[in-house]
Amino acid sequence: MPAYDGAACAGNTQTGAVSLSGNTGPVVLGGSTVTGAVSVTGNVGGPTVIEGNHITGTLACSGNTPAPTDGGTRNTVTGARSGQCGAAGF
């Protein structure tokens, strides 16, 4: 498998929940619209970046090492934020 080169794909629209769990390298969810809950758990080796998304549901993050960041671009979340992503404006 090739190493992550930092390149990003365009944002997506996802109808339903998104779960990013148990990854052992970089994880990025950016510029997307999610009409459901987003769960980010147990990712290691990072970075884990959740940035510039519109989430119509909850955003829950736990057990990620290092902790996720918003990459300087806040997410819009209509539901509750919790755990490592619990800060207002994350």
N, C-alpha and C. Protein backbone atom coordinates (compact mmCIF):
# COMPACT_ATOMS: atom_id res chain seq x y z
N MET A 1 0.85 -1.16 0.00
CA MET A 1 0.00 0.00 0.00
C MET A 1 0.90 1.24 0.00
N PRO A 2 0.60 2.22 -0.87
CA PRO A 2 1.43 3.44 -0.90
C PRO A 2 1.23 4.28 0.36
N ALA A 3 2.24 5.03 0.71
CA ALA A 3 2.17 5.93 1.87
C ALA A 3 1.29 7.12 1.54
N TYR A 4 0.65 7.67 2.57
CA TYR A 4 -0.17 8.86 2.42
C TYR A 4 0.70 10.02 2.00
N ASP A 5 0.31 10.72 0.93
CA ASP A 5 1.13 11.82 0.40
C ASP A 5 0.57 13.20 0.73
N GLY A 6 -0.49 13.27 1.54
CA GLY A 6 -1.06 14.55 1.92
C GLY A 6 -2.08 15.08 0.92
N ALA A 7 -2.26 14.40 -0.20
CA ALA A 7 -3.23 14.85 -1.19
C ALA A 7 -4.64 14.59 -0.68
N ALA A 8 -5.55 15.45 -1.05
CA ALA A 8 -6.94 15.31 -0.61
C ALA A 8 -7.86 15.18 -1.81
N CYS A 9 -8.96 14.51 -1.61
CA CYS A 9 -9.98 14.46 -2.65
C CYS A 9 -11.04 15.49 -2.30
N ALA A 10 -11.89 15.78 -3.25
CA ALA A 10 -12.96 16.75 -3.03
C ALA A 10 -13.92 16.24 -1.96
N GLY A 11 -14.64 17.17 -1.31
CA GLY A 11 -15.63 16.80 -0.31
C GLY A 11 -16.74 15.96 -0.93
N ASN A 12 -17.41 15.22 -0.10
CA ASN A 12 -18.47 14.33 -0.53
C ASN A 12 -19.76 14.64 0.22
N THR A 13 -20.86 14.08 -0.28
CA THR A 13 -22.12 14.12 0.44
C THR A 13 -22.45 12.70 0.84
N GLN A 14 -22.60 12.48 2.15
CA GLN A 14 -22.89 11.16 2.68
C GLN A 14 -24.23 11.19 3.38
N THR A 15 -25.16 10.37 2.91
CA THR A 15 -26.45 10.25 3.57
C THR A 15 -26.37 9.07 4.52
N GLY A 16 -26.43 9.35 5.81
CA GLY A 16 -26.30 8.32 6.82
C GLY A 16 -25.05 8.54 7.65
N ALA A 17 -24.85 7.66 8.58
CA ALA A 17 -23.75 7.79 9.53
C ALA A 17 -22.39 7.51 8.88
N VAL A 18 -21.34 8.12 9.46
CA VAL A 18 -19.96 7.88 9.05
C VAL A 18 -19.19 7.43 10.28
N SER A 19 -18.46 6.33 10.16
CA SER A 19 -17.63 5.82 11.25
C SER A 19 -16.20 5.66 10.74
N LEU A 20 -15.27 6.35 11.39
CA LEU A 20 -13.85 6.24 11.09
C LEU A 20 -13.22 5.61 12.32
N SER A 21 -12.87 4.34 12.24
CA SER A 21 -12.48 3.61 13.45
C SER A 21 -11.34 2.64 13.17
N GLY A 22 -10.36 2.64 14.09
CA GLY A 22 -9.31 1.65 14.06
C GLY A 22 -8.28 1.80 12.96
N ASN A 23 -8.14 2.99 12.40
CA ASN A 23 -7.14 3.22 11.36
C ASN A 23 -5.76 3.38 11.98
N THR A 24 -4.71 3.03 11.23
CA THR A 24 -3.35 3.10 11.75
C THR A 24 -2.48 4.05 10.94
N GLY A 25 -3.07 5.12 10.49
CA GLY A 25 -2.34 6.14 9.74
C GLY A 25 -3.21 7.37 9.65
N PRO A 26 -2.88 8.29 8.77
CA PRO A 26 -3.65 9.52 8.64
C PRO A 26 -5.12 9.26 8.30
N VAL A 27 -6.00 10.05 8.92
CA VAL A 27 -7.43 10.00 8.67
C VAL A 27 -7.89 11.43 8.43
N VAL A 28 -8.59 11.66 7.31
CA VAL A 28 -9.06 13.00 6.99
C VAL A 28 -10.52 12.92 6.53
N LEU A 29 -11.37 13.72 7.16
CA LEU A 29 -12.73 13.94 6.70
C LEU A 29 -12.86 15.44 6.54
N GLY A 30 -12.90 15.93 5.32
CA GLY A 30 -12.87 17.37 5.11
C GLY A 30 -13.77 17.83 3.97
N GLY A 31 -14.43 18.95 4.21
CA GLY A 31 -15.25 19.59 3.19
C GLY A 31 -16.46 18.79 2.77
N SER A 32 -16.92 17.92 3.62
CA SER A 32 -18.03 17.03 3.27
C SER A 32 -19.32 17.43 3.99
N THR A 33 -20.42 16.94 3.45
CA THR A 33 -21.73 17.08 4.08
C THR A 33 -22.16 15.69 4.50
N VAL A 34 -22.47 15.55 5.80
CA VAL A 34 -22.90 14.26 6.33
C VAL A 34 -24.27 14.46 6.97
N THR A 35 -25.27 13.74 6.47
CA THR A 35 -26.60 13.81 7.06
C THR A 35 -26.78 12.59 7.96
N GLY A 36 -26.09 12.63 9.07
CA GLY A 36 -26.10 11.55 10.06
C GLY A 36 -24.99 11.80 11.05
N ALA A 37 -24.83 10.89 11.97
CA ALA A 37 -23.81 11.01 13.00
C ALA A 37 -22.43 10.69 12.43
N VAL A 38 -21.39 11.32 13.02
CA VAL A 38 -20.00 11.02 12.69
C VAL A 38 -19.32 10.53 13.96
N SER A 39 -18.70 9.36 13.87
CA SER A 39 -17.99 8.75 14.99
C SER A 39 -16.55 8.52 14.56
N VAL A 40 -15.61 9.04 15.37
CA VAL A 40 -14.18 8.91 15.08
C VAL A 40 -13.54 8.29 16.32
N THR A 41 -13.18 7.00 16.25
CA THR A 41 -12.72 6.30 17.44
C THR A 41 -11.53 5.39 17.17
N GLY A 42 -10.60 5.39 18.11
CA GLY A 42 -9.52 4.43 18.12
C GLY A 42 -8.55 4.49 16.96
N ASN A 43 -8.37 5.66 16.37
CA ASN A 43 -7.40 5.82 15.28
C ASN A 43 -6.04 6.17 15.88
N VAL A 44 -4.98 5.55 15.37
CA VAL A 44 -3.64 5.80 15.90
C VAL A 44 -2.67 6.10 14.76
N GLY A 45 -1.62 6.82 15.07
CA GLY A 45 -0.60 7.10 14.07
C GLY A 45 -0.83 8.39 13.33
N GLY A 46 -2.00 8.96 13.40
CA GLY A 46 -2.45 10.23 12.87
C GLY A 46 -1.62 10.84 11.77
N PRO A 47 -1.90 12.05 11.43
CA PRO A 47 -2.90 12.86 12.13
C PRO A 47 -4.32 12.45 11.77
N THR A 48 -5.26 12.80 12.64
CA THR A 48 -6.68 12.65 12.37
C THR A 48 -7.25 14.06 12.27
N VAL A 49 -7.74 14.40 11.08
CA VAL A 49 -8.21 15.76 10.81
C VAL A 49 -9.67 15.70 10.37
N ILE A 50 -10.52 16.40 11.11
CA ILE A 50 -11.95 16.52 10.80
C ILE A 50 -12.17 18.01 10.58
N GLU A 51 -12.28 18.46 9.32
CA GLU A 51 -12.27 19.89 9.05
C GLU A 51 -13.27 20.32 7.99
N GLY A 52 -13.92 21.45 8.27
CA GLY A 52 -14.77 22.11 7.29
C GLY A 52 -15.95 21.30 6.81
N ASN A 53 -16.49 20.45 7.67
CA ASN A 53 -17.63 19.62 7.30
C ASN A 53 -18.93 20.25 7.79
N HIS A 54 -20.02 19.87 7.14
CA HIS A 54 -21.36 20.21 7.62
C HIS A 54 -21.99 18.89 8.05
N ILE A 55 -22.18 18.72 9.36
CA ILE A 55 -22.67 17.46 9.91
C ILE A 55 -24.04 17.69 10.52
N THR A 56 -25.05 17.02 9.95
CA THR A 56 -26.41 17.09 10.46
C THR A 56 -26.61 15.88 11.35
N GLY A 57 -26.10 15.96 12.54
CA GLY A 57 -26.12 14.85 13.49
C GLY A 57 -25.05 15.12 14.54
N THR A 58 -24.68 14.11 15.28
CA THR A 58 -23.69 14.27 16.32
C THR A 58 -22.28 14.06 15.78
N LEU A 59 -21.30 14.60 16.50
CA LEU A 59 -19.88 14.39 16.22
C LEU A 59 -19.25 13.88 17.50
N ALA A 60 -18.82 12.62 17.52
CA ALA A 60 -18.25 12.00 18.72
C ALA A 60 -16.87 11.44 18.39
N CYS A 61 -15.88 11.81 19.21
CA CYS A 61 -14.51 11.36 19.01
C CYS A 61 -13.95 10.84 20.32
N SER A 62 -13.30 9.68 20.28
CA SER A 62 -12.67 9.15 21.49
C SER A 62 -11.57 8.16 21.13
N GLY A 63 -10.57 8.08 22.01
CA GLY A 63 -9.53 7.08 21.89
C GLY A 63 -8.59 7.24 20.71
N ASN A 64 -8.52 8.43 20.14
CA ASN A 64 -7.63 8.68 19.01
C ASN A 64 -6.29 9.21 19.51
N THR A 65 -5.18 8.70 18.94
CA THR A 65 -3.85 9.14 19.32
C THR A 65 -3.06 9.46 18.07
N PRO A 66 -2.70 10.73 17.85
CA PRO A 66 -3.04 11.89 18.66
C PRO A 66 -4.51 12.27 18.49
N ALA A 67 -4.97 13.20 19.36
CA ALA A 67 -6.35 13.66 19.29
C ALA A 67 -6.61 14.35 17.95
N PRO A 68 -7.85 14.25 17.46
CA PRO A 68 -8.19 14.91 16.19
C PRO A 68 -8.08 16.43 16.29
N THR A 69 -7.87 17.06 15.15
CA THR A 69 -7.89 18.52 15.05
C THR A 69 -8.87 18.91 13.96
N ASP A 70 -9.19 20.21 13.93
CA ASP A 70 -10.03 20.71 12.84
C ASP A 70 -9.19 21.36 11.75
N GLY A 71 -7.88 21.24 11.83
CA GLY A 71 -7.01 21.77 10.80
C GLY A 71 -7.14 23.26 10.58
N GLY A 72 -7.75 23.97 11.53
CA GLY A 72 -7.95 25.40 11.40
C GLY A 72 -9.23 25.79 10.67
N THR A 73 -10.01 24.79 10.24
CA THR A 73 -11.28 25.06 9.56
C THR A 73 -12.38 24.37 10.35
N ARG A 74 -13.20 25.16 11.00
CA ARG A 74 -14.24 24.62 11.87
C ARG A 74 -15.28 23.82 11.11
N ASN A 75 -15.92 22.92 11.84
CA ASN A 75 -17.03 22.13 11.32
C ASN A 75 -18.34 22.75 11.78
N THR A 76 -19.38 22.60 10.99
CA THR A 76 -20.73 22.98 11.38
C THR A 76 -21.43 21.70 11.80
N VAL A 77 -21.86 21.65 13.07
CA VAL A 77 -22.48 20.44 13.61
C VAL A 77 -23.81 20.83 14.23
N THR A 78 -24.92 20.22 13.76
CA THR A 78 -26.22 20.58 14.31
C THR A 78 -26.57 19.77 15.56
N GLY A 79 -25.92 18.63 15.76
CA GLY A 79 -26.14 17.81 16.95
C GLY A 79 -25.09 18.11 18.00
N ALA A 80 -25.02 17.24 18.99
CA ALA A 80 -24.05 17.39 20.07
C ALA A 80 -22.65 17.02 19.59
N ARG A 81 -21.65 17.65 20.22
CA ARG A 81 -20.24 17.31 20.01
C ARG A 81 -19.77 16.68 21.33
N SER A 82 -18.94 15.64 21.21
CA SER A 82 -18.51 15.00 22.46
C SER A 82 -17.08 14.47 22.35
N GLY A 83 -16.52 14.20 23.53
CA GLY A 83 -15.19 13.62 23.63
C GLY A 83 -14.12 14.55 23.05
N GLN A 84 -13.19 13.99 22.32
CA GLN A 84 -12.08 14.76 21.77
C GLN A 84 -12.52 15.83 20.78
N CYS A 85 -13.72 15.73 20.27
CA CYS A 85 -14.26 16.73 19.34
C CYS A 85 -15.32 17.59 20.01
N GLY A 86 -15.32 17.61 21.34
CA GLY A 86 -16.37 18.27 22.09
C GLY A 86 -16.30 19.77 22.22
N ALA A 87 -15.17 20.37 21.87
CA ALA A 87 -15.03 21.82 22.01
C ALA A 87 -15.96 22.55 21.05
N ALA A 88 -16.57 23.61 21.53
CA ALA A 88 -17.41 24.44 20.66
C ALA A 88 -16.59 24.92 19.48
N GLY A 89 -17.13 24.81 18.30
CA GLY A 89 -16.44 25.28 17.11
C GLY A 89 -15.47 24.29 16.51
N PHE A 90 -15.33 23.11 17.13
CA PHE A 90 -14.40 22.13 16.58
C PHE A 90 -14.83 21.76 15.18
